[in-house]
Amino acid sequence: DEATSLITSGFLNLDIPFLPEIIDKHIKEVIQITSKESM
């Protein structure tokens, strides 16, 4: 389960240059929630 979570978060990890900080924060929160739900 932990490996699946790591793979999921790896695929969803987005580093978008010049993205406003608030949007980047929300994207990271969604990635964290999604990776936890995939376990």
N, C-alpha and C. Protein backbone atom coordinates (compact mmCIF):
# COMPACT_ATOMS: atom_id res chain seq x y z
N ASP A 1 0.82 -1.20 0.00
CA ASP A 1 0.00 0.00 0.00
C ASP A 1 0.86 1.26 0.00
N GLU A 2 1.93 1.22 0.78
CA GLU A 2 2.80 2.40 0.84
C GLU A 2 3.48 2.64 -0.51
N ALA A 3 3.86 1.56 -1.17
CA ALA A 3 4.50 1.69 -2.49
C ALA A 3 3.52 2.30 -3.50
N THR A 4 2.28 1.86 -3.45
CA THR A 4 1.25 2.42 -4.34
C THR A 4 1.08 3.90 -4.10
N SER A 5 1.08 4.29 -2.84
CA SER A 5 0.95 5.70 -2.48
C SER A 5 2.12 6.51 -3.03
N LEU A 6 3.33 5.98 -2.91
CA LEU A 6 4.51 6.68 -3.41
C LEU A 6 4.48 6.81 -4.93
N ILE A 7 4.06 5.76 -5.60
CA ILE A 7 3.96 5.80 -7.06
C ILE A 7 2.91 6.82 -7.49
N THR A 8 1.77 6.80 -6.82
CA THR A 8 0.70 7.75 -7.15
C THR A 8 1.16 9.18 -6.96
N SER A 9 1.78 9.47 -5.84
CA SER A 9 2.23 10.84 -5.59
C SER A 9 3.34 11.23 -6.56
N GLY A 10 4.14 10.26 -7.00
CA GLY A 10 5.19 10.55 -7.98
C GLY A 10 4.61 10.94 -9.33
N PHE A 11 3.55 10.25 -9.75
CA PHE A 11 2.91 10.59 -11.01
C PHE A 11 2.19 11.93 -10.94
N LEU A 12 1.69 12.27 -9.78
CA LEU A 12 0.92 13.50 -9.64
C LEU A 12 1.76 14.70 -9.23
N ASN A 13 3.03 14.47 -8.96
CA ASN A 13 3.90 15.56 -8.53
C ASN A 13 4.13 16.53 -9.68
N LEU A 14 3.61 17.73 -9.54
CA LEU A 14 3.73 18.74 -10.58
C LEU A 14 4.51 19.93 -10.06
N ASP A 15 5.60 20.23 -10.71
CA ASP A 15 6.34 21.44 -10.39
C ASP A 15 6.19 22.39 -11.57
N ILE A 16 5.29 23.35 -11.43
CA ILE A 16 5.00 24.28 -12.51
C ILE A 16 5.63 25.62 -12.16
N PRO A 17 6.60 26.05 -12.98
CA PRO A 17 7.26 27.33 -12.69
C PRO A 17 6.29 28.51 -12.80
N PHE A 18 6.51 29.49 -11.98
CA PHE A 18 5.74 30.74 -11.97
C PHE A 18 4.28 30.56 -11.57
N LEU A 19 3.95 29.44 -10.95
CA LEU A 19 2.59 29.22 -10.47
C LEU A 19 2.41 29.99 -9.18
N PRO A 20 1.29 30.70 -9.03
CA PRO A 20 1.07 31.42 -7.77
C PRO A 20 1.13 30.45 -6.58
N GLU A 21 1.68 30.93 -5.48
CA GLU A 21 1.92 30.08 -4.31
C GLU A 21 0.64 29.44 -3.79
N ILE A 22 -0.47 30.16 -3.78
CA ILE A 22 -1.73 29.62 -3.25
C ILE A 22 -2.22 28.44 -4.10
N ILE A 23 -2.06 28.55 -5.41
CA ILE A 23 -2.48 27.46 -6.29
C ILE A 23 -1.56 26.26 -6.10
N ASP A 24 -0.27 26.50 -6.00
CA ASP A 24 0.69 25.43 -5.77
C ASP A 24 0.37 24.70 -4.47
N LYS A 25 0.01 25.44 -3.44
CA LYS A 25 -0.34 24.85 -2.14
C LYS A 25 -1.56 23.94 -2.28
N HIS A 26 -2.58 24.39 -3.01
CA HIS A 26 -3.78 23.59 -3.19
C HIS A 26 -3.49 22.32 -3.99
N ILE A 27 -2.66 22.44 -5.01
CA ILE A 27 -2.30 21.26 -5.80
C ILE A 27 -1.59 20.23 -4.94
N LYS A 28 -0.66 20.69 -4.09
CA LYS A 28 0.06 19.77 -3.22
C LYS A 28 -0.87 19.10 -2.21
N GLU A 29 -1.87 19.84 -1.72
CA GLU A 29 -2.85 19.26 -0.79
C GLU A 29 -3.66 18.17 -1.49
N VAL A 30 -4.08 18.42 -2.72
CA VAL A 30 -4.85 17.43 -3.47
C VAL A 30 -4.00 16.18 -3.73
N ILE A 31 -2.74 16.38 -4.08
CA ILE A 31 -1.83 15.24 -4.31
C ILE A 31 -1.69 14.42 -3.04
N GLN A 32 -1.55 15.09 -1.91
CA GLN A 32 -1.40 14.39 -0.64
C GLN A 32 -2.66 13.59 -0.32
N ILE A 33 -3.82 14.19 -0.49
CA ILE A 33 -5.09 13.50 -0.22
C ILE A 33 -5.25 12.31 -1.16
N THR A 34 -4.96 12.52 -2.44
CA THR A 34 -5.10 11.46 -3.43
C THR A 34 -4.18 10.28 -3.12
N SER A 35 -2.95 10.57 -2.74
CA SER A 35 -2.02 9.48 -2.45
C SER A 35 -2.44 8.71 -1.21
N LYS A 36 -3.03 9.39 -0.23
CA LYS A 36 -3.51 8.70 0.97
C LYS A 36 -4.71 7.82 0.64
N GLU A 37 -5.61 8.31 -0.24
CA GLU A 37 -6.80 7.55 -0.59
C GLU A 37 -6.48 6.33 -1.43
N SER A 38 -5.34 6.35 -2.12
CA SER A 38 -4.99 5.21 -2.96
C SER A 38 -4.44 4.05 -2.14
N MET A 39 -4.19 4.25 -0.87
CA MET A 39 -3.64 3.19 -0.02
C MET A 39 -4.70 2.20 0.37
